[in-house]
Amino acid sequence: MIEFRPQLKIIMTSPLDEKALDLHKKLKGKMETTLKSPIESKEDLSLLYTPGVAAPCLEIAKDKEKVYTYTGKGNLVMIVTDGTAVLGLGDIGPEAALPVMEGKAALFKRFGNVDAISICLNTKDVDEIVETVVRISPGFGGVNLEDISAPRCFEIEKKLRERLNIAVFHDDQHGTAIVVLAALQNALKVAQKKLSDVKIVFSGAGAAGIAVAKLLISGGAKNLILCDSQGIISSSRTDINSAKKEMLQKTNPENISGTLADALKNADVFIGVSKPNLLTAENIKSMNLNSIIFAMANPTPEIMPDEAKKGGAFIVATGRSDFPNQVNNVLAFPGLFRGVFDSGAKEITEKMKIAAANALSALVPMPTTEKILPSAFDEGVAESVAKAVSKCAEI
């Protein structure tokens, strides 16, 4: 199914945009293939290709599991997108999504020493995406779904997990959830509050919002309220999709209705995965003391940190690198897949995600209002996550 999209008018907003364009034009792709063994002689050619390559082929033909012994399958991820939910840019198509997928591959390699290849699909059809991934899966050890819009992303992930015997992971959902849980654990430690006691309000009930909510519940949270563009998700709503209906069974324990502002009254935590400039200082003032604000819309958060602080916010985190407490998925997915591959796991479980979050939060043993997460460049981040995931997989 071929998709045709109108041309987008690109507006340059900062000097960084021009530098990024120049660098991408120069590089023409962030990744390249290299040889692990030189091919400089006839013997090299004979060992790495014909006739020598027949020996591992025959071994794998006798036992398919030996593909992990004789090939790179056990360290190779396909990064799959249809380009429908790219960063904050929306549905810009698979070609326009490619720079992001290449960037993701670069992060996999840099931080987890995991090889990754971009797979940009020119279809939005759930079954076509699933079938394509299944058909090309023999050459890969894992699937990282990326920038696929909700609610289709839930169905795609579910169907792939049912059909494949390799790890399937939607980073927009679960990578975000892991890092948010880690950040919130440390933020609550500084605020001297418990996850089981606090009231948590979400703005955004798409892929990321629902995944974060689910993992927080698994981690011990009991009082969550989800809001979308139409307000609080409650039983009085008749316009919610199946994913939101499912979450309603686990959230909004008092079944309140109203707006995001209504939900924030006497809340302890705000988690935003939605749109810019939704909150004001007055909204923050209506929250409990020592309020925690995770405003993660990119590039412009739901509320800017200085405005949140005016309203009395105790801790503020965003998705941006130019403010303290950046919530960045790169803290999670490279180490997560490293641990999956090191342990030989064929799926990523809820316990693995919680173990990864615990490992991340432990890397900041004495958190402060300005430091609740490690930096991706801190020594040992991916290794700590990988060890936690591997240990969890072996239990």
Protein backbone atom coordinates (compact mmCIF):
# COMPACT_ATOMS: atom_id res chain seq x y z
CA MET A 1 0.00 0.00 0.00
CA ILE A 2 1.69 3.21 -1.17
CA GLU A 3 1.19 6.37 0.85
CA PHE A 4 1.25 9.87 -0.66
CA ARG A 5 1.84 12.81 1.62
CA PRO A 6 1.76 16.55 0.96
CA GLN A 7 5.02 18.43 1.07
CA LEU A 8 5.81 19.98 4.43
CA LYS A 9 7.14 23.48 4.79
CA ILE A 10 10.22 23.21 6.99
CA ILE A 11 10.87 26.23 9.19
CA MET A 12 14.41 26.57 10.57
CA THR A 13 14.25 27.62 14.19
CA SER A 14 17.83 27.75 15.47
CA PRO A 15 21.51 27.75 14.42
CA LEU A 16 21.62 24.09 15.49
CA ASP A 17 19.28 23.21 12.62
CA GLU A 18 21.71 24.53 10.04
CA LYS A 19 24.62 22.69 11.68
CA ALA A 20 22.60 19.48 11.73
CA LEU A 21 21.70 19.85 8.05
CA ASP A 22 25.33 20.45 7.12
CA LEU A 23 26.52 17.45 9.11
CA HIS A 24 23.86 15.10 7.72
CA LYS A 25 24.64 16.29 4.18
CA LYS A 26 28.33 15.62 4.74
CA LEU A 27 27.87 12.20 6.35
CA LYS A 28 25.10 10.88 4.09
CA GLY A 29 24.03 8.49 6.82
CA LYS A 30 25.29 7.99 10.38
CA MET A 31 26.13 4.29 10.06
CA GLU A 32 28.18 2.10 7.76
CA THR A 33 29.07 -1.58 7.59
CA THR A 34 32.60 -2.68 8.44
CA LEU A 35 34.48 -5.98 8.37
CA LYS A 36 35.28 -7.86 11.57
CA SER A 37 37.91 -9.87 9.71
CA PRO A 38 40.06 -8.65 6.79
CA ILE A 39 39.72 -10.07 3.29
CA GLU A 40 43.24 -9.68 1.99
CA SER A 41 44.07 -13.11 0.67
CA LYS A 42 42.63 -16.09 -1.18
CA GLU A 43 42.47 -17.98 2.12
CA ASP A 44 40.51 -15.13 3.75
CA LEU A 45 38.04 -15.26 0.89
CA SER A 46 37.75 -19.03 1.13
CA LEU A 47 37.10 -18.97 4.88
CA LEU A 48 34.65 -16.06 4.99
CA TYR A 49 32.86 -16.95 1.80
CA THR A 50 32.85 -19.93 -0.52
CA PRO A 51 33.73 -22.75 0.03
CA GLY A 52 34.28 -22.28 3.80
CA VAL A 53 30.96 -20.59 4.49
CA ALA A 54 29.15 -23.82 3.65
CA ALA A 55 30.28 -25.37 6.95
CA PRO A 56 28.36 -22.98 9.24
CA CYS A 57 25.42 -23.04 6.82
CA LEU A 58 25.14 -26.81 7.21
CA GLU A 59 25.46 -26.58 11.00
CA ILE A 60 22.61 -24.07 11.14
CA ALA A 61 20.53 -26.19 8.76
CA LYS A 62 20.82 -29.06 11.27
CA ASP A 63 20.06 -26.82 14.29
CA LYS A 64 18.56 -23.36 13.73
CA GLU A 65 19.64 -22.18 17.19
CA LYS A 66 23.24 -22.34 16.00
CA VAL A 67 22.51 -19.21 13.94
CA TYR A 68 23.36 -17.38 17.18
CA THR A 69 26.75 -19.14 17.26
CA TYR A 70 27.85 -18.63 13.68
CA THR A 71 26.28 -15.29 12.64
CA GLY A 72 25.63 -11.78 13.94
CA LYS A 73 21.91 -12.42 14.51
CA GLY A 74 22.37 -12.37 18.28
CA ASN A 75 23.59 -8.78 18.26
CA LEU A 76 21.43 -7.26 15.53
CA VAL A 77 18.26 -5.19 15.99
CA MET A 78 15.88 -3.99 13.29
CA ILE A 79 14.54 -0.50 13.99
CA VAL A 80 11.08 -0.50 12.43
CA THR A 81 8.96 2.57 11.68
CA ASP A 82 6.18 3.69 9.38
CA GLY A 83 6.97 7.36 10.00
CA THR A 84 3.60 8.20 11.53
CA ALA A 85 4.73 9.62 14.89
CA VAL A 86 8.24 10.96 14.41
CA LEU A 87 9.54 12.96 17.38
CA GLY A 88 7.24 15.97 17.69
CA LEU A 89 6.83 16.18 13.91
CA GLY A 90 3.93 13.75 13.53
CA ASP A 91 3.16 11.76 10.38
CA ILE A 92 6.00 12.79 8.07
CA GLY A 93 6.46 9.48 6.26
CA PRO A 94 9.08 6.72 6.23
CA GLU A 95 11.66 8.61 4.18
CA ALA A 96 11.58 11.63 6.48
CA ALA A 97 11.81 9.29 9.48
CA LEU A 98 15.07 7.75 8.24
CA PRO A 99 17.43 10.31 9.88
CA VAL A 100 15.87 9.49 13.25
CA MET A 101 16.17 5.74 12.68
CA GLU A 102 19.80 6.13 11.64
CA GLY A 103 20.37 8.20 14.76
CA LYS A 104 18.78 5.47 16.86
CA ALA A 105 21.10 2.92 15.28
CA ALA A 106 24.07 5.12 16.15
CA LEU A 107 22.95 5.30 19.79
CA PHE A 108 22.52 1.52 19.95
CA LYS A 109 26.12 1.10 18.79
CA ARG A 110 27.68 3.92 20.82
CA PHE A 111 26.11 3.11 24.15
CA GLY A 112 25.33 -0.63 23.99
CA ASN A 113 27.64 -1.97 21.27
CA VAL A 114 24.50 -3.31 19.63
CA ASP A 115 24.27 -3.40 15.84
CA ALA A 116 21.07 -1.99 14.35
CA ILE A 117 19.56 -1.43 10.90
CA SER A 118 16.80 1.01 9.92
CA ILE A 119 13.66 -0.55 8.41
CA CYS A 120 11.35 2.22 7.15
CA LEU A 121 8.08 0.81 5.82
CA ASN A 122 5.84 2.50 3.27
CA THR A 123 2.58 1.31 4.78
CA LYS A 124 0.35 2.16 7.74
CA ASP A 125 -1.52 -1.13 7.64
CA VAL A 126 -1.05 -3.08 10.87
CA ASP A 127 -1.11 -6.51 9.26
CA GLU A 128 1.26 -5.47 6.46
CA ILE A 129 3.75 -4.12 8.99
CA VAL A 130 3.50 -7.26 11.12
CA GLU A 131 3.84 -9.59 8.15
CA THR A 132 6.85 -7.71 6.79
CA VAL A 133 8.66 -7.83 10.12
CA VAL A 134 7.89 -11.52 10.58
CA ARG A 135 9.15 -12.37 7.09
CA ILE A 136 12.52 -10.62 7.55
CA SER A 137 12.99 -11.67 11.18
CA PRO A 138 15.29 -14.69 10.59
CA GLY A 139 18.26 -12.34 10.19
CA PHE A 140 17.65 -10.35 13.39
CA GLY A 141 17.88 -10.95 17.12
CA GLY A 142 15.47 -8.21 18.16
CA VAL A 143 12.86 -5.71 17.01
CA ASN A 144 12.76 -2.08 18.13
CA LEU A 145 9.50 -0.45 17.03
CA GLU A 146 9.89 3.30 16.70
CA ASP A 147 7.72 6.33 15.99
CA ILE A 148 4.53 4.40 15.14
CA SER A 149 1.33 6.19 16.11
CA ALA A 150 -1.14 4.96 18.72
CA PRO A 151 -3.27 2.94 19.01
CA ARG A 152 -1.85 0.89 16.08
CA CYS A 153 1.50 0.56 17.85
CA PHE A 154 -0.12 -1.48 20.64
CA GLU A 155 -1.63 -3.95 18.19
CA ILE A 156 1.58 -4.24 16.17
CA GLU A 157 3.66 -4.96 19.24
CA LYS A 158 1.14 -7.49 20.57
CA LYS A 159 0.94 -9.40 17.29
CA LEU A 160 4.72 -9.45 16.86
CA ARG A 161 5.27 -10.70 20.40
CA GLU A 162 2.83 -13.52 19.70
CA ARG A 163 4.43 -14.54 16.41
CA LEU A 164 8.17 -14.02 16.96
CA ASN A 165 10.72 -15.86 19.05
CA ILE A 166 12.94 -12.79 19.43
CA ALA A 167 12.69 -9.73 21.68
CA VAL A 168 10.15 -7.10 20.57
CA PHE A 169 10.30 -3.65 22.13
CA HIS A 170 8.48 -0.40 21.37
CA ASP A 171 10.89 2.22 22.68
CA ASP A 172 8.41 5.11 22.59
CA GLN A 173 6.37 3.11 25.11
CA HIS A 174 8.70 1.06 27.21
CA GLY A 175 11.96 2.98 26.97
CA THR A 176 10.14 6.09 28.13
CA ALA A 177 8.45 4.13 30.91
CA ILE A 178 11.73 2.71 32.23
CA VAL A 179 13.43 6.09 32.44
CA VAL A 180 10.38 7.80 33.96
CA LEU A 181 10.12 5.13 36.66
CA ALA A 182 13.81 5.50 37.47
CA ALA A 183 13.54 9.30 37.60
CA LEU A 184 10.39 9.22 39.70
CA GLN A 185 11.92 6.80 42.20
CA ASN A 186 14.73 9.27 42.87
CA ALA A 187 12.50 12.35 42.75
CA LEU A 188 10.20 10.83 45.36
CA LYS A 189 13.22 9.97 47.49
CA VAL A 190 14.24 13.64 47.50
CA ALA A 191 10.64 14.76 48.14
CA GLN A 192 10.33 12.16 50.92
CA LYS A 193 7.23 10.58 49.42
CA LYS A 194 6.31 7.01 48.46
CA LEU A 195 5.19 5.82 45.06
CA SER A 196 2.30 3.92 46.63
CA ASP A 197 0.99 7.07 48.34
CA VAL A 198 1.22 9.80 45.70
CA LYS A 199 -1.42 11.03 43.27
CA ILE A 200 -0.02 11.04 39.73
CA VAL A 201 -1.67 12.94 36.87
CA PHE A 202 -0.85 12.27 33.22
CA SER A 203 -1.28 14.57 30.27
CA GLY A 204 -1.19 12.29 27.26
CA ALA A 205 -2.80 8.87 26.98
CA GLY A 206 -1.16 7.63 23.81
CA ALA A 207 1.62 5.06 23.47
CA ALA A 208 4.05 6.66 25.92
CA GLY A 209 1.48 7.76 28.49
CA ILE A 210 -0.20 4.38 28.73
CA ALA A 211 3.10 2.47 28.88
CA VAL A 212 4.47 4.74 31.61
CA ALA A 213 1.25 4.37 33.60
CA LYS A 214 1.37 0.57 33.32
CA LEU A 215 4.97 0.36 34.49
CA LEU A 216 4.37 2.74 37.39
CA ILE A 217 1.46 0.53 38.47
CA SER A 218 3.74 -2.52 38.24
CA GLY A 219 6.26 -0.58 40.33
CA GLY A 220 3.72 0.10 43.09
CA ALA A 221 1.76 3.24 42.13
CA LYS A 222 -1.91 3.11 43.14
CA ASN A 223 -3.48 6.50 42.34
CA LEU A 224 -3.13 7.56 38.71
CA ILE A 225 -5.36 9.79 36.59
CA LEU A 226 -4.93 9.88 32.82
CA CYS A 227 -5.96 12.89 30.75
CA ASP A 228 -6.10 13.28 27.00
CA SER A 229 -6.99 16.27 24.84
CA GLN A 230 -10.62 15.98 25.93
CA GLY A 231 -9.92 15.88 29.67
CA ILE A 232 -9.88 13.24 32.37
CA ILE A 233 -10.42 9.66 31.21
CA SER A 234 -13.40 8.51 33.26
CA SER A 235 -16.39 6.20 32.94
CA SER A 236 -18.54 9.14 31.81
CA ARG A 237 -16.53 9.40 28.57
CA THR A 238 -17.95 7.71 25.48
CA ASP A 239 -15.18 8.77 23.11
CA ILE A 240 -12.23 6.69 24.36
CA ASN A 241 -10.53 3.89 22.43
CA SER A 242 -9.98 0.35 23.66
CA ALA A 243 -6.51 1.06 25.06
CA LYS A 244 -7.87 3.91 27.20
CA LYS A 245 -10.82 1.79 28.31
CA GLU A 246 -8.41 -0.88 29.49
CA MET A 247 -6.44 1.70 31.47
CA LEU A 248 -9.60 3.02 33.07
CA GLN A 249 -9.87 -0.30 34.91
CA LYS A 250 -6.55 0.46 36.64
CA THR A 251 -6.68 4.26 37.06
CA ASN A 252 -8.85 7.11 38.33
CA PRO A 253 -9.94 5.22 41.48
CA GLU A 254 -12.44 7.93 42.46
CA ASN A 255 -13.78 8.16 38.89
CA ILE A 256 -13.56 11.96 38.74
CA SER A 257 -14.38 13.86 35.58
CA GLY A 258 -13.28 17.24 34.28
CA THR A 259 -10.22 18.93 32.84
CA LEU A 260 -6.51 18.49 33.34
CA ALA A 261 -6.63 21.44 35.73
CA ASP A 262 -9.25 19.64 37.79
CA ALA A 263 -7.12 16.51 37.95
CA LEU A 264 -4.07 18.43 39.14
CA LYS A 265 -5.72 19.68 42.32
CA ASN A 266 -3.94 18.08 45.29
CA ALA A 267 -1.78 15.96 42.98
CA ASP A 268 1.82 15.13 43.87
CA VAL A 269 3.20 14.30 40.43
CA PHE A 270 2.54 15.52 36.89
CA ILE A 271 3.76 13.46 33.94
CA GLY A 272 3.41 15.12 30.56
CA VAL A 273 3.84 13.29 27.27
CA SER A 274 1.56 15.49 25.24
CA LYS A 275 1.75 19.06 23.93
CA PRO A 276 3.60 22.32 24.67
CA ASN A 277 2.45 24.98 27.09
CA LEU A 278 -0.51 23.16 28.64
CA LEU A 279 0.24 24.15 32.24
CA THR A 280 0.63 27.43 34.08
CA ALA A 281 2.13 28.36 37.42
CA GLU A 282 -1.42 28.52 38.78
CA ASN A 283 -1.93 24.85 37.92
CA ILE A 284 1.21 23.97 39.85
CA LYS A 285 0.04 25.99 42.85
CA SER A 286 -3.04 23.77 43.09
CA MET A 287 -0.85 20.69 43.61
CA ASN A 288 0.47 19.39 46.92
CA LEU A 289 3.69 20.66 48.47
CA ASN A 290 6.95 19.33 47.02
CA SER A 291 5.25 18.70 43.69
CA ILE A 292 7.16 16.82 40.98
CA ILE A 293 6.77 17.92 37.36
CA PHE A 294 7.89 15.75 34.44
CA ALA A 295 7.06 17.95 31.43
CA MET A 296 8.41 15.87 28.57
CA ALA A 297 6.83 17.22 25.39
CA ASN A 298 9.61 17.94 22.90
CA PRO A 299 11.02 20.33 21.98
CA THR A 300 8.74 22.60 24.03
CA PRO A 301 7.53 21.08 27.31
CA GLU A 302 4.04 21.34 28.80
CA ILE A 303 5.46 24.02 31.09
CA MET A 304 8.90 25.58 31.11
CA PRO A 305 10.97 24.87 34.24
CA ASP A 306 11.13 28.51 35.37
CA GLU A 307 7.36 28.85 35.12
CA ALA A 308 6.86 25.59 37.02
CA LYS A 309 9.21 26.79 39.74
CA LYS A 310 7.18 29.99 40.03
CA GLY A 311 4.18 27.84 40.87
CA GLY A 312 6.12 26.05 43.59
CA ALA A 313 7.35 22.94 41.78
CA PHE A 314 9.94 21.12 43.87
CA ILE A 315 11.52 19.05 41.08
CA VAL A 316 11.18 19.62 37.34
CA ALA A 317 12.30 17.24 34.60
CA THR A 318 11.95 17.63 30.83
CA GLY A 319 13.03 15.79 27.70
CA ARG A 320 15.57 18.51 26.86
CA SER A 321 19.33 18.41 27.33
CA ASP A 322 19.60 22.13 28.11
CA PHE A 323 17.71 21.81 31.43
CA PRO A 324 18.53 19.70 34.49
CA ASN A 325 16.93 16.25 34.83
CA GLN A 326 16.66 15.23 31.20
CA VAL A 327 14.43 12.16 30.75
CA ASN A 328 16.12 10.47 27.80
CA ASN A 329 15.38 6.99 26.45
CA VAL A 330 19.04 6.51 25.54
CA LEU A 331 19.55 5.71 29.21
CA ALA A 332 17.48 2.55 28.75
CA PHE A 333 17.31 0.90 25.33
CA PRO A 334 21.03 0.28 24.55
CA GLY A 335 21.66 -1.41 27.89
CA LEU A 336 18.34 -3.21 27.78
CA PHE A 337 19.08 -4.89 24.45
CA ARG A 338 22.70 -5.51 25.53
CA GLY A 339 21.33 -7.44 28.50
CA VAL A 340 18.80 -9.30 26.35
CA PHE A 341 21.48 -10.39 23.91
CA ASP A 342 24.04 -11.27 26.61
CA SER A 343 21.51 -13.48 28.39
CA GLY A 344 20.03 -15.02 25.25
CA ALA A 345 16.54 -13.90 26.28
CA LYS A 346 13.84 -14.14 23.61
CA GLU A 347 11.45 -11.63 25.15
CA ILE A 348 11.48 -8.46 27.26
CA THR A 349 9.39 -8.87 30.38
CA GLU A 350 7.86 -6.44 32.86
CA LYS A 351 10.38 -7.64 35.45
CA MET A 352 13.24 -6.77 33.11
CA LYS A 353 11.87 -3.24 32.64
CA ILE A 354 11.56 -2.71 36.39
CA ALA A 355 15.07 -4.13 36.89
CA ALA A 356 16.40 -1.69 34.29
CA ALA A 357 14.66 1.23 36.05
CA ASN A 358 16.02 0.15 39.43
CA ALA A 359 19.53 -0.05 37.99
CA LEU A 360 19.25 3.45 36.55
CA SER A 361 17.97 5.02 39.75
CA ALA A 362 20.71 3.29 41.75
CA LEU A 363 23.34 5.05 39.63
CA VAL A 364 22.38 8.27 41.45
CA PRO A 365 22.71 7.13 45.08
CA MET A 366 22.27 10.64 46.48
CA PRO A 367 19.75 12.38 44.19
CA THR A 368 18.99 16.09 44.44
CA THR A 369 16.36 18.37 42.96
CA GLU A 370 18.74 19.02 40.06
CA LYS A 371 20.06 15.45 39.64
CA ILE A 372 17.62 12.55 39.62
CA LEU A 373 19.08 10.62 36.68
CA PRO A 374 22.54 9.76 35.40
CA SER A 375 23.81 11.13 32.12
CA ALA A 376 24.07 8.78 29.17
CA PHE A 377 27.76 9.69 29.13
CA ASP A 378 28.33 8.65 32.74
CA GLU A 379 30.56 5.60 32.98
CA GLY A 380 28.80 2.28 33.34
CA VAL A 381 25.20 3.28 32.57
CA ALA A 382 24.47 0.79 29.79
CA GLU A 383 26.57 -1.86 31.54
CA SER A 384 24.55 -1.51 34.77
CA VAL A 385 21.25 -1.79 32.91
CA ALA A 386 22.54 -4.77 30.90
CA LYS A 387 23.66 -6.62 34.03
CA ALA A 388 20.32 -6.03 35.75
CA VAL A 389 18.39 -7.24 32.72
CA SER A 390 20.63 -10.28 32.24
CA LYS A 391 20.29 -11.26 35.90
CA CYS A 392 16.53 -10.88 35.69
CA ALA A 393 16.41 -13.01 32.53
CA GLU A 394 18.34 -15.81 34.19
CA ILE A 395 16.04 -16.06 37.24
